[in-house]
Amino acid sequence: MIVMFSLFTHSRYKMLCKDDELRRWFTEGRHTQIIDERIDFDIVSFSRSEYNKLFSVLPHTLHPLLYDAVSGLLDQINECERMKTSEGKKLSSRGIIKCHPKIDSLEPVYELCNVINKNKAEIIRDKSLPVYNNLKGIVQQLELFYKNTCYYNYHSLSTYNRKHRLFCLANNVILDANGQIDHLYSVKNGNIKFILDKQSKLIDHSGSTITHIKFSTSKTSIHKKLNTETGNNGYFEKVSNFIKRNFKLDKRYLIVLHKEFVLSANGDEGDFIRQLRQIGFMDIAIGDEYNGESISVNWYGNLIGKNKWRDFDCCYLFGTPNSRFEAHVIHLCQYTDRHDWRIGLGVVKNGKTKSFKNADLEKIRQSTIISDMYQTVKRVQRNPKPQAEIFIVTNEEEVFRGVTKQLKKVKIGEPILLAVDDFVSRHELNGASGSSNEDTMTEMIVDWLLKQPPGTYPKKDIAKQLNINSKHFARYFSKDLILVQTYIRAKQIRIEYRSIVKL
């Protein structure tokens, strides 16, 4: 028996989506297609930032043509920013705005593409090949914004090529390790129906421990912890000190967060790497450059399909891999092959977490984060009986539980509450003098205790000894602080109601 099937790479699949004739030729006589992992179809975005890039690269003589080509998009962005709710608040603060930019004719767009092609040599000579390629990529996508529905969110329009869709043969198989997690496969009322062939979990994770460190680790939240006066980030100081306190010479550590904190835009070491070096860690591998170092720092999206860390012992997830909210809406359209969804695109904020009001979109958002985190923690201890230590920093309980559910019999450690204040410049403190921060006070109390003989020490006596206001003692020394938890777990101290016991 001859079985005719096609095994598609993602790049080839996307190419066949856009070329009907090539797709017919390629699939002729085949009845089965196999796709390895879910395909992330391209999403294109345009904001004033893209316009400024084009404006700075193109010669002055082409600026009027550029404006004619993008004026409809700039007008749409301005209109979305002006929209108000019935209460007079910005509509964009309540969710994604669905819109349709207008242009009298696409001729300026096509003419701009032709002019850039004709001036290729000049642009490369004056600017560079990467600049030309970026310029060409932006301009070639402009027509998509005028031909398709767009979604406005945070000063940016996003859309997609409707030809990027799942085409079907008689039999269609997607081999996706996240299939049971990803809600895109479970949405009802779409034009494509997925049948999930659920596999039982075979790996026993009873030798591993996973711990939830509660703190918001979106890129925005992390940026808020940057002290612009010292150049240090309060969050990175906390987590790097946490690593240092728990570091063991015979273990190897995989640390994952957002790329911009690992490598800067110009390729230099990012803020987190610099913080690690500042406290004494020099044996650090960055990205794919691993040569036996005890610490390997990487970023989401750069680990899938790689096994360099299979024998590592510990995994720290110090960032949350959030996608832009409009991306989830577009993925819903792409994976259901429906572009007329009449669903609410509202977003609500609970504490520091933003979420969709619509149940399907919120499940898609959460499952996307869970999938990325799960695939990351699975990079370490890739053996039949893993013994890993896993720490996930996120303020989303549902996300942490979602990752935990994928690890059969894993032990769950006591949750840790991480507190880091947003940076406030001294100039914003109404002239208040710079007082010692809570971290320093906690470390001072710990240092004092460790120098004392075993015994019971009243909190008010410790406060008096260290010249601390006894009313504020609990702020500096409590079970919720990571440093204190470390010594409690090590059975060096015990906290009682009115005293601290040095063991």
Protein backbone atom coordinates (compact mmCIF):
# COMPACT_ATOMS: atom_id res chain seq x y z
CA MET A 1 0.00 0.00 0.00
CA ILE A 2 1.33 3.43 -0.93
CA VAL A 3 0.50 6.21 1.53
CA MET A 4 0.61 9.69 0.01
CA PHE A 5 1.11 12.37 2.64
CA SER A 6 2.85 15.72 3.08
CA LEU A 7 4.93 16.80 6.08
CA PHE A 8 5.00 20.60 6.03
CA THR A 9 7.46 22.99 7.63
CA HIS A 10 5.83 26.17 8.90
CA SER A 11 7.53 28.42 6.34
CA ARG A 12 6.47 26.16 3.44
CA TYR A 13 2.92 25.96 4.78
CA LYS A 14 2.61 29.76 4.91
CA MET A 15 4.00 29.99 1.39
CA LEU A 16 1.42 27.49 0.09
CA CYS A 17 -1.37 29.42 1.84
CA LYS A 18 -0.68 32.48 -0.30
CA ASP A 19 -0.19 30.68 -3.64
CA ASP A 20 -3.28 28.74 -4.75
CA GLU A 21 -1.66 27.27 -7.87
CA LEU A 22 1.48 26.12 -6.05
CA ARG A 23 -0.66 24.61 -3.29
CA ARG A 24 -2.75 22.63 -5.79
CA TRP A 25 0.42 21.34 -7.45
CA PHE A 26 2.05 20.45 -4.15
CA THR A 27 -0.96 18.64 -2.64
CA GLU A 28 -2.10 16.86 -5.81
CA GLY A 29 -2.51 13.13 -5.19
CA ARG A 30 -1.96 13.53 -1.44
CA HIS A 31 -4.68 12.86 1.10
CA THR A 32 -2.89 13.42 4.41
CA GLN A 33 -0.94 16.40 5.75
CA ILE A 34 1.11 16.42 8.95
CA ILE A 35 2.07 19.68 10.69
CA ASP A 36 4.64 19.67 13.49
CA GLU A 37 3.45 22.06 16.24
CA ARG A 38 0.86 24.82 15.91
CA ILE A 39 1.58 27.34 13.18
CA ASP A 40 1.75 30.96 14.33
CA PHE A 41 0.55 32.87 11.31
CA ASP A 42 2.03 36.32 10.81
CA ILE A 43 0.47 39.40 12.38
CA VAL A 44 1.41 42.82 10.97
CA SER A 45 1.28 46.05 12.97
CA PHE A 46 1.55 49.74 12.17
CA SER A 47 1.97 52.72 14.48
CA ARG A 48 3.46 56.18 14.35
CA SER A 49 6.76 54.50 15.16
CA GLU A 50 6.72 52.66 11.81
CA TYR A 51 5.77 55.89 10.04
CA ASN A 52 8.71 57.70 11.67
CA LYS A 53 11.08 54.91 10.59
CA LEU A 54 9.91 55.19 6.99
CA PHE A 55 10.07 58.99 7.14
CA SER A 56 13.67 58.96 8.42
CA VAL A 57 14.91 56.52 5.76
CA LEU A 58 13.18 57.77 2.63
CA PRO A 59 14.52 60.87 0.83
CA HIS A 60 12.55 64.12 1.22
CA THR A 61 11.24 63.87 -2.31
CA LEU A 62 9.29 60.71 -1.36
CA HIS A 63 7.70 62.07 1.83
CA PRO A 64 4.48 63.24 0.08
CA LEU A 65 4.06 59.78 -1.49
CA LEU A 66 4.71 58.13 1.87
CA TYR A 67 2.06 60.27 3.53
CA ASP A 68 -0.48 59.48 0.80
CA ALA A 69 0.16 55.75 1.36
CA VAL A 70 -0.23 55.78 5.16
CA SER A 71 -2.55 58.74 5.81
CA GLY A 72 -5.56 56.42 6.15
CA LEU A 73 -3.76 54.47 8.88
CA LEU A 74 -2.66 57.59 10.75
CA ASP A 75 -6.21 58.98 10.53
CA GLN A 76 -7.58 55.70 11.92
CA ILE A 77 -5.13 55.73 14.84
CA ASN A 78 -6.12 59.33 15.65
CA GLU A 79 -9.81 58.45 15.45
CA CYS A 80 -9.43 55.46 17.80
CA GLU A 81 -7.55 57.60 20.30
CA ARG A 82 -10.35 60.19 20.27
CA MET A 83 -13.17 57.69 20.84
CA LYS A 84 -14.92 58.04 24.20
CA THR A 85 -17.23 55.87 26.28
CA SER A 86 -20.63 57.15 27.46
CA GLU A 87 -18.86 58.15 30.70
CA GLY A 88 -16.38 60.27 28.78
CA LYS A 89 -13.39 57.93 29.25
CA LYS A 90 -11.12 56.75 26.46
CA LEU A 91 -12.69 53.79 24.67
CA SER A 92 -9.23 52.32 24.05
CA SER A 93 -8.71 51.94 27.80
CA ARG A 94 -11.63 49.48 27.91
CA GLY A 95 -10.42 47.01 25.28
CA ILE A 96 -9.55 46.34 21.66
CA ILE A 97 -11.20 48.53 19.00
CA LYS A 98 -12.24 46.87 15.74
CA CYS A 99 -11.86 49.20 12.76
CA HIS A 100 -11.49 49.52 8.97
CA PRO A 101 -8.99 52.15 7.75
CA LYS A 102 -10.02 53.92 4.55
CA ILE A 103 -8.03 55.10 1.52
CA ASP A 104 -9.35 56.53 -1.76
CA SER A 105 -6.99 54.41 -3.84
CA LEU A 106 -4.23 51.87 -3.22
CA GLU A 107 -2.13 53.40 -6.01
CA PRO A 108 0.14 55.35 -3.59
CA VAL A 109 0.87 52.08 -1.73
CA TYR A 110 1.81 50.25 -4.94
CA GLU A 111 3.83 53.21 -6.22
CA LEU A 112 5.76 53.41 -2.94
CA CYS A 113 6.65 49.71 -3.24
CA ASN A 114 7.94 50.25 -6.78
CA VAL A 115 9.99 53.31 -5.83
CA ILE A 116 11.66 51.45 -2.95
CA ASN A 117 12.58 48.58 -5.27
CA LYS A 118 14.04 51.01 -7.80
CA ASN A 119 16.08 52.78 -5.12
CA LYS A 120 17.33 49.58 -3.47
CA ALA A 121 21.02 50.15 -4.21
CA GLU A 122 20.91 53.76 -3.01
CA ILE A 123 19.12 52.91 0.26
CA ILE A 124 21.51 50.04 1.00
CA ARG A 125 24.51 52.27 0.27
CA ASP A 126 23.29 55.16 2.44
CA LYS A 127 21.55 53.24 5.22
CA SER A 128 22.43 49.47 5.14
CA LEU A 129 20.89 46.23 3.93
CA PRO A 130 19.00 45.51 7.22
CA VAL A 131 17.42 48.98 7.06
CA TYR A 132 16.33 48.38 3.46
CA ASN A 133 14.86 44.96 4.29
CA ASN A 134 12.93 46.42 7.23
CA LEU A 135 11.66 49.28 5.09
CA LYS A 136 10.57 46.93 2.32
CA GLY A 137 8.85 44.62 4.81
CA ILE A 138 6.75 47.44 6.27
CA VAL A 139 5.73 48.88 2.90
CA GLN A 140 4.83 45.50 1.36
CA GLN A 141 2.32 44.88 4.16
CA LEU A 142 0.57 48.27 3.98
CA GLU A 143 -2.22 47.13 1.67
CA LEU A 144 -3.31 44.48 4.19
CA PHE A 145 -4.49 47.20 6.57
CA TYR A 146 -6.82 48.63 3.94
CA LYS A 147 -8.13 45.26 2.73
CA ASN A 148 -8.84 43.61 6.07
CA THR A 149 -10.34 44.25 9.48
CA CYS A 150 -7.87 45.93 11.83
CA TYR A 151 -7.62 45.91 15.61
CA TYR A 152 -6.45 48.97 17.50
CA ASN A 153 -4.65 48.59 20.81
CA TYR A 154 -2.23 50.91 22.56
CA HIS A 155 -1.39 53.31 19.71
CA SER A 156 -1.03 50.51 17.15
CA LEU A 157 -3.13 48.91 14.38
CA SER A 158 -2.79 45.18 13.75
CA THR A 159 -4.16 42.92 11.01
CA TYR A 160 -3.32 39.76 9.09
CA ASN A 161 -3.31 38.18 5.65
CA ARG A 162 -6.57 36.27 5.26
CA LYS A 163 -4.84 33.81 2.96
CA HIS A 164 -2.93 32.63 6.02
CA ARG A 165 -5.44 29.99 7.03
CA LEU A 166 -5.48 26.26 7.64
CA PHE A 167 -6.18 24.48 4.36
CA CYS A 168 -7.36 20.89 4.56
CA LEU A 169 -6.79 17.59 2.78
CA ALA A 170 -8.81 14.45 3.49
CA ASN A 171 -6.79 13.85 6.68
CA ASN A 172 -5.05 16.58 8.67
CA VAL A 173 -2.78 15.99 11.66
CA ILE A 174 -1.16 18.61 13.91
CA LEU A 175 1.46 17.16 16.25
CA ASP A 176 1.31 19.66 19.10
CA ALA A 177 2.67 18.98 22.59
CA ASN A 178 0.45 21.83 23.81
CA GLY A 179 -2.68 20.44 22.17
CA GLN A 180 -4.42 19.72 25.48
CA ILE A 181 -3.53 23.17 26.82
CA ASP A 182 -4.19 25.47 23.84
CA HIS A 183 -7.80 26.67 23.86
CA LEU A 184 -7.66 27.57 20.16
CA TYR A 185 -8.33 23.89 19.43
CA SER A 186 -11.47 23.89 21.63
CA VAL A 187 -13.37 26.98 20.47
CA LYS A 188 -16.89 26.15 19.32
CA ASN A 189 -18.80 27.58 16.33
CA GLY A 190 -15.74 27.93 14.13
CA ASN A 191 -15.54 26.79 10.51
CA ILE A 192 -12.80 24.30 11.41
CA LYS A 193 -13.36 21.52 13.93
CA PHE A 194 -10.41 20.01 15.77
CA ILE A 195 -10.56 16.52 17.25
CA LEU A 196 -8.19 16.23 20.20
CA ASP A 197 -6.47 12.86 20.61
CA LYS A 198 -5.50 13.28 24.24
CA GLN A 199 -2.44 11.42 25.46
CA SER A 200 -2.00 10.33 29.07
CA LYS A 201 0.85 11.88 31.02
CA LEU A 202 3.64 9.30 31.36
CA ILE A 203 6.47 11.20 33.09
CA ASP A 204 6.38 11.02 36.89
CA HIS A 205 7.38 14.41 38.34
CA SER A 206 7.05 13.37 41.99
CA GLY A 207 10.78 14.01 42.42
CA SER A 208 10.37 17.64 41.32
CA THR A 209 9.15 20.72 43.19
CA ILE A 210 7.42 23.74 41.69
CA THR A 211 7.07 27.00 43.64
CA HIS A 212 4.91 30.02 42.92
CA ILE A 213 6.58 33.39 43.55
CA LYS A 214 3.75 35.93 43.47
CA PHE A 215 4.66 39.07 41.58
CA SER A 216 3.63 40.73 38.32
CA THR A 217 6.30 39.98 35.71
CA SER A 218 4.97 41.60 32.57
CA LYS A 219 7.55 43.72 30.76
CA THR A 220 5.72 46.86 31.88
CA SER A 221 5.76 45.82 35.54
CA ILE A 222 9.47 44.99 35.42
CA HIS A 223 10.31 48.31 33.76
CA LYS A 224 8.54 50.12 36.62
CA LYS A 225 11.12 48.74 39.05
CA LEU A 226 13.99 50.53 37.31
CA ASN A 227 15.64 53.19 39.43
CA THR A 228 16.60 55.75 36.80
CA GLU A 229 18.98 57.47 39.21
CA THR A 230 21.12 54.41 39.99
CA GLY A 231 20.42 52.34 36.87
CA ASN A 232 19.47 49.34 39.03
CA ASN A 233 16.20 47.43 38.78
CA GLY A 234 14.60 46.58 42.14
CA TYR A 235 13.00 43.41 40.81
CA PHE A 236 16.25 42.09 39.36
CA GLU A 237 18.03 42.87 42.63
CA LYS A 238 15.49 40.78 44.55
CA VAL A 239 15.47 37.75 42.27
CA SER A 240 19.24 37.71 41.73
CA ASN A 241 19.78 37.76 45.48
CA PHE A 242 17.24 34.94 45.75
CA ILE A 243 19.35 32.92 43.29
CA LYS A 244 22.51 33.71 45.23
CA ARG A 245 21.03 32.56 48.55
CA ASN A 246 19.85 29.27 47.05
CA PHE A 247 22.81 28.68 44.72
CA LYS A 248 24.59 25.31 44.94
CA LEU A 249 27.88 24.65 43.18
CA ASP A 250 26.88 21.15 42.09
CA LYS A 251 23.72 22.31 40.28
CA ARG A 252 22.99 24.04 36.98
CA TYR A 253 20.37 26.72 36.49
CA LEU A 254 18.23 27.72 33.50
CA ILE A 255 16.80 31.23 33.87
CA VAL A 256 14.24 32.51 31.36
CA LEU A 257 12.66 35.94 30.93
CA HIS A 258 12.03 38.52 28.19
CA LYS A 259 14.78 38.94 25.61
CA GLU A 260 15.23 42.68 26.12
CA PHE A 261 16.40 42.07 29.71
CA VAL A 262 18.93 39.47 28.53
CA LEU A 263 20.26 41.26 25.46
CA SER A 264 19.84 44.96 24.71
CA ALA A 265 18.75 46.21 21.29
CA ASN A 266 22.38 46.70 20.21
CA GLY A 267 23.40 43.20 21.33
CA ASP A 268 25.02 44.18 24.64
CA GLU A 269 24.23 42.37 27.87
CA GLY A 270 20.82 43.34 29.27
CA ASP A 271 19.91 44.69 32.70
CA PHE A 272 19.35 41.27 34.30
CA ILE A 273 22.73 39.91 33.16
CA ARG A 274 24.46 43.01 34.49
CA GLN A 275 22.70 42.55 37.83
CA LEU A 276 23.87 38.93 38.07
CA ARG A 277 27.45 40.00 37.40
CA GLN A 278 27.14 42.79 39.94
CA ILE A 279 26.54 40.29 42.75
CA GLY A 280 29.38 38.03 41.68
CA PHE A 281 28.06 35.60 39.03
CA MET A 282 30.53 35.49 36.14
CA ASP A 283 30.00 31.93 34.86
CA ILE A 284 26.94 32.79 32.75
CA ALA A 285 25.86 31.48 29.34
CA ILE A 286 23.63 33.81 27.32
CA GLY A 287 21.19 32.54 24.69
CA ASP A 288 22.55 29.66 22.61
CA GLU A 289 26.17 30.19 23.67
CA TYR A 290 26.44 27.39 26.22
CA ASN A 291 29.81 25.84 27.07
CA GLY A 292 29.29 24.11 30.40
CA GLU A 293 28.44 27.20 32.49
CA SER A 294 26.48 26.68 35.72
CA ILE A 295 23.94 29.40 34.81
CA SER A 296 22.27 29.72 31.42
CA VAL A 297 20.04 32.74 30.80
CA ASN A 298 17.68 32.67 27.83
CA TRP A 299 14.43 34.13 26.59
CA TYR A 300 11.00 32.86 25.57
CA GLY A 301 10.83 31.68 21.98
CA ASN A 302 14.49 30.67 21.88
CA LEU A 303 14.26 27.27 23.58
CA ILE A 304 11.69 25.24 21.63
CA GLY A 305 13.15 22.08 20.13
CA LYS A 306 16.52 22.49 21.88
CA ASN A 307 17.94 20.08 24.45
CA LYS A 308 21.05 21.84 25.74
CA TRP A 309 19.53 22.05 29.21
CA ARG A 310 18.24 18.47 29.49
CA ASP A 311 20.49 17.72 32.50
CA PHE A 312 19.99 21.05 34.30
CA ASP A 313 18.62 20.88 37.83
CA CYS A 314 16.75 24.15 38.32
CA CYS A 315 14.51 26.35 36.21
CA TYR A 316 13.59 29.93 37.07
CA LEU A 317 10.89 31.72 35.04
CA PHE A 318 11.38 35.39 35.88
CA GLY A 319 9.09 36.86 33.23
CA THR A 320 5.59 36.26 31.89
CA PRO A 321 5.45 35.65 28.09
CA ASN A 322 2.51 37.93 27.38
CA SER A 323 1.39 38.47 23.79
CA ARG A 324 -0.33 41.68 22.76
CA PHE A 325 -4.07 41.33 23.37
CA GLU A 326 -5.04 41.88 19.74
CA ALA A 327 -2.87 38.90 18.76
CA HIS A 328 -5.28 36.56 20.58
CA VAL A 329 -8.24 38.01 18.68
CA ILE A 330 -6.46 37.53 15.36
CA HIS A 331 -5.40 33.97 16.22
CA LEU A 332 -9.04 33.19 17.03
CA CYS A 333 -10.04 34.32 13.52
CA GLN A 334 -7.20 32.39 11.89
CA TYR A 335 -7.75 29.10 13.70
CA THR A 336 -11.53 29.07 13.34
CA ASP A 337 -11.41 30.42 9.77
CA ARG A 338 -14.07 32.91 10.83
CA HIS A 339 -13.60 36.62 10.35
CA ASP A 340 -17.05 37.84 11.39
CA TRP A 341 -16.99 37.07 15.12
CA ARG A 342 -19.48 39.24 16.98
CA ILE A 343 -17.84 39.02 20.37
CA GLY A 344 -16.91 41.58 22.98
CA LEU A 345 -13.30 42.75 22.86
CA GLY A 346 -13.45 44.39 26.28
CA VAL A 347 -10.55 44.13 28.71
CA VAL A 348 -10.75 44.42 32.49
CA LYS A 349 -8.02 44.90 35.07
CA ASN A 350 -7.95 42.84 38.26
CA GLY A 351 -5.15 44.13 40.42
CA LYS A 352 -2.15 44.27 38.10
CA THR A 353 -3.51 41.68 35.66
CA LYS A 354 -5.44 42.57 32.52
CA SER A 355 -7.84 39.98 31.13
CA PHE A 356 -10.51 39.64 28.46
CA LYS A 357 -14.17 39.81 29.41
CA ASN A 358 -14.97 37.23 26.74
CA ALA A 359 -14.47 33.70 28.11
CA ASP A 360 -12.97 32.19 24.94
CA LEU A 361 -10.50 35.01 24.42
CA GLU A 362 -9.44 34.86 28.08
CA LYS A 363 -8.91 31.10 27.88
CA ILE A 364 -6.84 31.61 24.72
CA ARG A 365 -4.76 34.28 26.48
CA GLN A 366 -4.11 32.15 29.56
CA SER A 367 -3.46 28.95 27.64
CA THR A 368 -0.89 30.72 25.44
CA ILE A 369 1.08 31.78 28.53
CA ILE A 370 0.72 28.35 30.14
CA SER A 371 1.93 26.64 26.97
CA ASP A 372 5.06 28.80 26.75
CA MET A 373 5.87 28.31 30.43
CA TYR A 374 5.23 24.56 30.32
CA GLN A 375 7.50 24.10 27.30
CA THR A 376 10.18 26.10 29.12
CA VAL A 377 10.17 24.11 32.37
CA LYS A 378 10.25 20.91 30.30
CA ARG A 379 13.69 21.92 28.96
CA VAL A 380 15.35 20.77 32.22
CA GLN A 381 15.60 17.27 33.66
CA ARG A 382 14.46 15.56 30.46
CA ASN A 383 14.48 12.01 31.77
CA PRO A 384 11.90 9.43 32.95
CA LYS A 385 12.21 10.48 36.61
CA PRO A 386 13.02 14.20 36.73
CA GLN A 387 14.20 15.85 39.93
CA ALA A 388 13.90 19.53 39.14
CA GLU A 389 13.45 22.66 41.22
CA ILE A 390 11.12 25.04 39.39
CA PHE A 391 10.27 28.61 40.38
CA ILE A 392 7.66 30.60 38.45
CA VAL A 393 7.24 34.31 39.12
CA THR A 394 3.77 35.48 38.13
CA ASN A 395 0.81 37.15 39.80
CA GLU A 396 -1.67 34.97 37.87
CA GLU A 397 -2.77 32.04 40.02
CA GLU A 398 -4.61 30.41 37.11
CA VAL A 399 -1.45 30.42 35.01
CA PHE A 400 0.63 28.82 37.77
CA ARG A 401 -2.03 26.15 38.34
CA GLY A 402 -2.23 25.54 34.59
CA VAL A 403 1.51 24.78 34.41
CA THR A 404 1.35 22.62 37.53
CA LYS A 405 -1.49 20.50 36.09
CA GLN A 406 0.78 19.44 33.23
CA LEU A 407 3.43 18.00 35.59
CA LYS A 408 2.15 14.66 36.89
CA LYS A 409 2.54 14.27 40.69
CA VAL A 410 4.82 17.30 41.02
CA LYS A 411 5.26 18.61 44.58
CA ILE A 412 4.05 22.17 45.13
CA GLY A 413 6.17 24.33 47.40
CA GLU A 414 4.91 27.01 49.74
CA PRO A 415 4.07 30.14 47.74
CA ILE A 416 6.38 33.13 48.14
CA LEU A 417 5.12 36.70 48.11
CA LEU A 418 7.60 39.08 46.48
CA ALA A 419 7.26 42.79 47.24
CA VAL A 420 9.11 45.39 45.17
CA ASP A 421 8.00 49.00 45.18
CA ASP A 422 7.74 50.94 41.93
CA PHE A 423 10.67 53.33 41.71
CA VAL A 424 9.91 56.87 42.81
CA SER A 425 12.57 59.50 42.19
CA ARG A 426 13.86 61.35 45.24
CA HIS A 427 12.65 64.53 43.57
CA GLU A 428 9.10 63.13 43.76
CA LEU A 429 9.27 62.52 47.51
CA ASN A 430 8.47 66.13 48.42
CA GLY A 431 11.96 66.73 49.74
CA ALA A 432 12.04 63.68 52.02
CA SER A 433 15.56 62.54 52.74
CA GLY A 434 16.61 59.17 51.34
CA SER A 435 15.76 56.63 54.06
CA SER A 436 17.13 53.09 54.21
CA ASN A 437 15.03 50.66 52.21
CA GLU A 438 13.21 47.63 53.57
CA ASP A 439 15.61 45.15 51.99
CA THR A 440 18.54 46.69 53.87
CA MET A 441 16.63 46.67 57.17
CA THR A 442 15.69 43.00 56.71
CA GLU A 443 19.27 42.05 55.93
CA MET A 444 20.46 43.99 58.99
CA ILE A 445 18.05 42.07 61.27
CA VAL A 446 19.08 38.73 59.75
CA ASP A 447 22.77 39.53 60.11
CA TRP A 448 22.28 40.46 63.77
CA LEU A 449 20.32 37.27 64.51
CA LEU A 450 22.88 35.01 62.84
CA LYS A 451 25.60 36.44 65.11
CA GLN A 452 23.62 35.62 68.25
CA PRO A 453 23.72 32.32 70.17
CA PRO A 454 20.63 30.06 69.95
CA GLY A 455 17.76 31.43 71.99
CA THR A 456 14.57 33.49 72.02
CA TYR A 457 14.79 37.21 71.26
CA PRO A 458 11.79 39.55 71.80
CA LYS A 459 11.03 41.63 68.71
CA LYS A 460 10.92 44.88 70.70
CA ASP A 461 14.42 44.20 72.07
CA ILE A 462 15.78 43.54 68.56
CA ALA A 463 14.13 46.77 67.33
CA LYS A 464 15.70 48.72 70.20
CA GLN A 465 19.11 47.13 69.61
CA LEU A 466 19.05 48.10 65.91
CA ASN A 467 17.38 51.48 66.40
CA ILE A 468 14.22 50.45 64.51
CA ASN A 469 10.74 51.77 65.28
CA SER A 470 9.05 48.71 66.85
CA LYS A 471 5.76 49.64 65.14
CA HIS A 472 7.43 49.03 61.76
CA PHE A 473 9.23 45.80 62.71
CA ALA A 474 6.72 43.52 60.98
CA ARG A 475 7.25 45.43 57.73
CA TYR A 476 10.96 44.59 57.78
CA PHE A 477 10.76 41.06 59.15
CA SER A 478 7.88 38.73 58.27
CA LYS A 479 7.28 35.27 56.82
CA ASP A 480 6.25 36.85 53.50
CA LEU A 481 9.76 38.13 52.73
CA ILE A 482 11.96 35.88 50.57
CA LEU A 483 15.10 36.45 52.64
CA VAL A 484 13.28 35.52 55.86
CA GLN A 485 11.69 32.47 54.21
CA THR A 486 15.13 31.24 53.19
CA TYR A 487 16.36 31.10 56.79
CA ILE A 488 13.08 29.63 58.04
CA ARG A 489 13.35 26.80 55.48
CA ALA A 490 16.98 26.30 56.48
CA LYS A 491 15.75 25.96 60.09
CA GLN A 492 18.01 28.72 61.33
CA ILE A 493 15.20 30.90 62.69
CA ARG A 494 11.56 30.60 63.72
CA ILE A 495 9.12 33.50 64.02
CA GLU A 496 6.71 33.59 66.95
CA TYR A 497 4.09 36.15 67.88
CA ARG A 498 6.25 38.46 69.98
CA SER A 499 9.70 37.01 69.43
CA ILE A 500 12.13 35.38 67.05
CA VAL A 501 13.84 32.11 67.90
CA LYS A 502 17.44 31.62 66.74
CA LEU A 503 17.83 27.84 66.28
